[in-house]
Amino acid sequence: MRALIVTSMLLEFATTWFTPLILIFGVLHLFVFAVLRFTAGRDLRSLADLLARFTDGLSRRSRLDWRGHLTDQVDAFVEDVREAVQDPSDRKTLTNRISLLDEKRDYLDSYRFETAWNVARSGIEVYPLLGVLGTIFALWLAMREPAGDASAAVGTIVERFGLAIDSTFAGLATAIVLMIVNSFCETLFTRLLENRRDVRQLVTEVKRDLIASDVRTSDPTLSHSKVAKESM
């Protein structure tokens, strides 16, 4: 009997604070998205600055409008480097500057950001469930209200149903707000991950092409044999 009383008291306390807790968690969730948004902008600026220094002085370098987004600038810089690899006049410059990308490897660190974003995005689905759970607790307490003064019992039951509605509304409203926030951030986060992947692939391609070019330069017989095979 005592255990049931303690359980009822705990459930009553949890039900009373369910709606405020949902709102508090929602505010903290918004703060997490704000931190992710700030981190994405900082990392994107760092990546764009790195590629801007890397492509500075190349014979063919894109000139984008100052109003263009950083993700578009990164895409343009990546294409500039791919074109420069094919230009003998820029190949020596790329060889000297490839160490710039080797020394600053911030573009490789995408695991933590991607994990944090996935957790924040998946966590949105929890709020409707929390709202339903709070509703179940409130209804359960209302159904277990002991018989006594009729007017007091009715008032308590109405109060429980009010808590149930508040909990459901708080869970759904918080999830909707967070879904809207995530939709605004999703494009930037996705483009940042794509830009990092493109830069990783670019570094691999540039190193491979430069090494192959150095081998052909140091051993001209390879080029002659290649020409002979093509003529056959």
Protein backbone atom coordinates (compact mmCIF):
# COMPACT_ATOMS: atom_id res chain seq x y z
CA MET A 1 0.00 0.00 0.00
CA ARG A 2 2.78 2.38 0.92
CA ALA A 3 4.58 1.58 -2.31
CA LEU A 4 1.46 2.47 -4.31
CA ILE A 5 1.14 5.77 -2.47
CA VAL A 6 4.79 6.62 -3.15
CA THR A 7 4.38 5.63 -6.80
CA SER A 8 1.29 7.80 -7.13
CA MET A 9 3.10 10.75 -5.57
CA LEU A 10 6.04 10.35 -7.92
CA LEU A 11 3.74 10.08 -10.94
CA GLU A 12 1.82 13.13 -9.80
CA PHE A 13 5.04 15.10 -9.43
CA ALA A 14 6.27 13.91 -12.84
CA THR A 15 2.94 14.72 -14.49
CA THR A 16 2.87 18.21 -13.01
CA TRP A 17 6.38 18.95 -14.30
CA PHE A 18 6.14 17.09 -17.60
CA THR A 19 5.10 20.11 -19.66
CA PRO A 20 7.74 22.47 -18.20
CA LEU A 21 10.43 19.82 -18.71
CA ILE A 22 9.43 19.37 -22.36
CA LEU A 23 9.71 23.12 -22.89
CA ILE A 24 13.07 23.28 -21.10
CA PHE A 25 14.45 20.43 -23.21
CA GLY A 26 13.11 22.18 -26.31
CA VAL A 27 14.98 25.38 -25.45
CA LEU A 28 18.18 23.39 -24.87
CA HIS A 29 17.60 21.65 -28.21
CA LEU A 30 17.32 25.03 -29.92
CA PHE A 31 20.60 26.02 -28.30
CA VAL A 32 22.23 22.87 -29.73
CA PHE A 33 21.04 23.82 -33.21
CA ALA A 34 22.40 27.34 -32.68
CA VAL A 35 25.81 25.90 -31.74
CA LEU A 36 25.75 23.60 -34.78
CA ARG A 37 24.81 26.54 -37.02
CA PHE A 38 27.68 28.61 -35.65
CA THR A 39 30.11 25.70 -36.00
CA ALA A 40 29.03 25.03 -39.59
CA GLY A 41 29.50 28.68 -40.56
CA ARG A 42 32.92 28.83 -38.91
CA ASP A 43 34.11 25.59 -40.55
CA LEU A 44 32.79 26.68 -43.94
CA ARG A 45 34.60 30.03 -43.72
CA SER A 46 37.79 28.24 -42.70
CA LEU A 47 37.48 25.84 -45.64
CA ALA A 48 36.79 28.66 -48.11
CA ASP A 49 39.76 30.68 -46.81
CA LEU A 50 42.02 27.64 -47.08
CA LEU A 51 41.04 27.02 -50.69
CA ALA A 52 41.27 30.74 -51.50
CA ARG A 53 44.91 30.75 -50.34
CA PHE A 54 45.54 27.49 -52.17
CA THR A 55 44.20 28.81 -55.51
CA ASP A 56 45.69 32.29 -55.20
CA GLY A 57 47.85 33.07 -58.22
CA LEU A 58 46.56 30.30 -60.48
CA SER A 59 46.13 31.23 -64.12
CA ARG A 60 42.44 30.29 -64.01
CA ARG A 61 40.65 31.31 -60.85
CA SER A 62 36.92 31.85 -60.45
CA ARG A 63 35.66 35.29 -59.55
CA LEU A 64 32.30 35.00 -57.84
CA ASP A 65 29.97 37.76 -56.75
CA TRP A 66 30.54 38.86 -53.15
CA ARG A 67 26.92 37.97 -52.41
CA GLY A 68 27.53 34.34 -53.41
CA HIS A 69 27.29 31.71 -50.70
CA LEU A 70 30.47 30.19 -49.29
CA THR A 71 29.44 26.71 -50.40
CA ASP A 72 29.32 27.93 -54.02
CA GLN A 73 32.76 29.49 -53.59
CA VAL A 74 34.16 26.21 -52.29
CA ASP A 75 32.68 24.36 -55.28
CA ALA A 76 34.25 26.91 -57.63
CA PHE A 77 37.66 26.62 -55.95
CA VAL A 78 37.52 22.83 -56.22
CA GLU A 79 36.85 23.06 -59.96
CA ASP A 80 39.67 25.62 -60.31
CA VAL A 81 42.14 23.19 -58.79
CA ARG A 82 40.94 20.34 -61.02
CA GLU A 83 41.49 22.52 -64.08
CA ALA A 84 44.87 23.75 -62.81
CA VAL A 85 46.16 20.18 -62.50
CA GLN A 86 45.76 19.81 -66.26
CA ASP A 87 47.65 23.06 -66.94
CA PRO A 88 51.47 22.60 -66.97
CA SER A 89 51.99 26.24 -65.97
CA ASP A 90 50.02 25.76 -62.75
CA ARG A 91 51.27 22.29 -61.92
CA LYS A 92 54.45 23.52 -60.24
CA THR A 93 52.45 25.96 -58.12
CA LEU A 94 50.15 23.16 -57.00
CA THR A 95 53.13 20.98 -56.13
CA ASN A 96 54.53 23.70 -53.88
CA ARG A 97 51.18 24.40 -52.23
CA ILE A 98 49.87 20.89 -51.68
CA SER A 99 51.61 20.94 -48.30
CA LEU A 100 49.17 23.70 -47.29
CA LEU A 101 46.31 21.20 -47.41
CA ASP A 102 48.43 18.51 -45.77
CA GLU A 103 49.31 20.70 -42.79
CA LYS A 104 45.80 22.05 -42.19
CA ARG A 105 43.49 19.05 -42.08
CA ASP A 106 40.42 20.64 -40.51
CA TYR A 107 38.42 19.60 -43.56
CA LEU A 108 38.92 15.96 -42.56
CA ASP A 109 37.21 16.34 -39.18
CA SER A 110 33.54 15.84 -40.05
CA TYR A 111 32.62 12.86 -37.85
CA ARG A 112 31.80 14.80 -34.68
CA PHE A 113 29.74 17.42 -36.47
CA GLU A 114 27.79 14.83 -38.46
CA THR A 115 27.16 12.76 -35.32
CA ALA A 116 25.94 15.78 -33.35
CA TRP A 117 23.62 16.82 -36.16
CA ASN A 118 22.18 13.30 -36.52
CA VAL A 119 21.51 13.14 -32.77
CA ALA A 120 19.89 16.59 -32.77
CA ARG A 121 17.78 15.75 -35.82
CA SER A 122 16.68 12.36 -34.50
CA GLY A 123 15.94 13.84 -31.07
CA ILE A 124 13.08 15.87 -32.54
CA GLU A 125 11.02 12.69 -32.72
CA VAL A 126 11.23 12.30 -28.94
CA TYR A 127 9.04 15.30 -28.07
CA PRO A 128 5.70 13.97 -29.38
CA LEU A 129 6.43 10.73 -27.52
CA LEU A 130 7.16 12.66 -24.34
CA GLY A 131 3.89 14.53 -24.80
CA VAL A 132 1.98 11.27 -25.18
CA LEU A 133 3.76 9.82 -22.15
CA GLY A 134 2.79 12.84 -20.05
CA THR A 135 -0.80 12.46 -21.28
CA ILE A 136 -0.85 8.80 -20.25
CA PHE A 137 0.47 9.64 -16.78
CA ALA A 138 -2.13 12.39 -16.31
CA LEU A 139 -5.01 10.19 -17.47
CA TRP A 140 -3.80 7.31 -15.33
CA LEU A 141 -3.77 9.53 -12.24
CA ALA A 142 -7.23 10.88 -13.11
CA MET A 143 -8.64 7.37 -13.40
CA ARG A 144 -7.10 6.36 -10.05
CA GLU A 145 -8.53 9.34 -8.17
CA PRO A 146 -10.06 7.93 -4.95
CA ALA A 147 -13.76 8.35 -4.33
CA GLY A 148 -14.67 11.11 -1.91
CA ASP A 149 -16.12 14.57 -2.18
CA ALA A 150 -17.80 14.60 -5.60
CA SER A 151 -17.05 18.23 -6.43
CA ALA A 152 -13.40 17.92 -5.36
CA ALA A 153 -13.01 14.70 -7.34
CA VAL A 154 -14.46 16.29 -10.48
CA GLY A 155 -12.14 19.28 -10.08
CA THR A 156 -9.11 17.02 -9.69
CA ILE A 157 -10.07 14.95 -12.74
CA VAL A 158 -10.56 18.08 -14.84
CA GLU A 159 -7.15 19.30 -13.67
CA ARG A 160 -5.56 15.99 -14.73
CA PHE A 161 -7.17 16.19 -18.15
CA GLY A 162 -5.88 19.75 -18.46
CA LEU A 163 -2.35 18.54 -17.71
CA ALA A 164 -2.79 15.79 -20.31
CA ILE A 165 -3.76 18.32 -22.99
CA ASP A 166 -0.91 20.66 -22.01
CA SER A 167 1.62 17.83 -22.24
CA THR A 168 0.42 16.75 -25.68
CA PHE A 169 0.40 20.31 -26.99
CA ALA A 170 3.87 21.05 -25.60
CA GLY A 171 5.34 17.93 -27.20
CA LEU A 172 3.79 18.57 -30.62
CA ALA A 173 4.52 22.31 -30.63
CA THR A 174 8.16 21.78 -29.63
CA ALA A 175 8.63 19.14 -32.33
CA ILE A 176 7.11 21.43 -34.98
CA VAL A 177 9.36 24.35 -34.03
CA LEU A 178 12.47 22.15 -34.06
CA MET A 179 11.50 20.63 -37.42
CA ILE A 180 11.25 24.13 -38.91
CA VAL A 181 14.63 25.09 -37.44
CA ASN A 182 16.20 21.89 -38.77
CA SER A 183 14.77 22.53 -42.25
CA PHE A 184 16.47 25.94 -42.32
CA CYS A 185 19.80 24.48 -41.19
CA GLU A 186 19.72 21.24 -43.20
CA THR A 187 20.85 22.75 -46.51
CA LEU A 188 23.90 24.41 -44.95
CA PHE A 189 24.86 21.33 -42.95
CA THR A 190 24.47 19.03 -45.95
CA ARG A 191 26.49 21.32 -48.21
CA LEU A 192 29.25 21.57 -45.61
CA LEU A 193 29.56 17.79 -45.43
CA GLU A 194 29.54 17.59 -49.24
CA ASN A 195 32.22 20.29 -49.51
CA ARG A 196 34.43 18.44 -47.04
CA ARG A 197 34.01 15.23 -48.99
CA ASP A 198 34.82 17.02 -52.26
CA VAL A 199 37.97 18.55 -50.78
CA ARG A 200 39.13 15.16 -49.48
CA GLN A 201 38.62 13.66 -52.92
CA LEU A 202 40.32 16.66 -54.50
CA VAL A 203 43.46 16.28 -52.39
CA THR A 204 43.67 12.60 -53.33
CA GLU A 205 43.22 13.35 -57.04
CA VAL A 206 45.74 16.20 -57.05
CA LYS A 207 48.39 14.13 -55.29
CA ARG A 208 47.84 11.22 -57.66
CA ASP A 209 48.01 13.43 -60.76
CA LEU A 210 51.07 15.32 -59.56
CA ILE A 211 52.91 12.10 -58.71
CA ALA A 212 52.03 10.65 -62.11
CA SER A 213 53.23 13.83 -63.79
CA ASP A 214 56.53 13.75 -61.89
CA VAL A 215 57.06 10.11 -62.87
CA ARG A 216 56.46 10.88 -66.54
CA THR A 217 58.82 13.86 -66.34
CA SER A 218 61.61 11.90 -64.66
CA ASP A 219 61.20 8.89 -66.97
CA PRO A 220 60.40 10.01 -70.52
CA THR A 221 60.37 6.41 -71.74
CA LEU A 222 57.00 5.99 -70.05
CA SER A 223 55.53 8.72 -72.23
CA HIS A 224 57.11 7.25 -75.38
CA SER A 225 55.78 3.78 -74.58
CA LYS A 226 52.34 5.24 -73.96
CA VAL A 227 52.42 7.01 -77.33
CA ALA A 228 53.55 3.81 -79.02
CA LYS A 229 50.69 1.86 -77.48
CA GLU A 230 48.18 4.49 -78.56
CA SER A 231 49.52 4.42 -82.16
CA MET A 232 49.13 0.64 -82.28
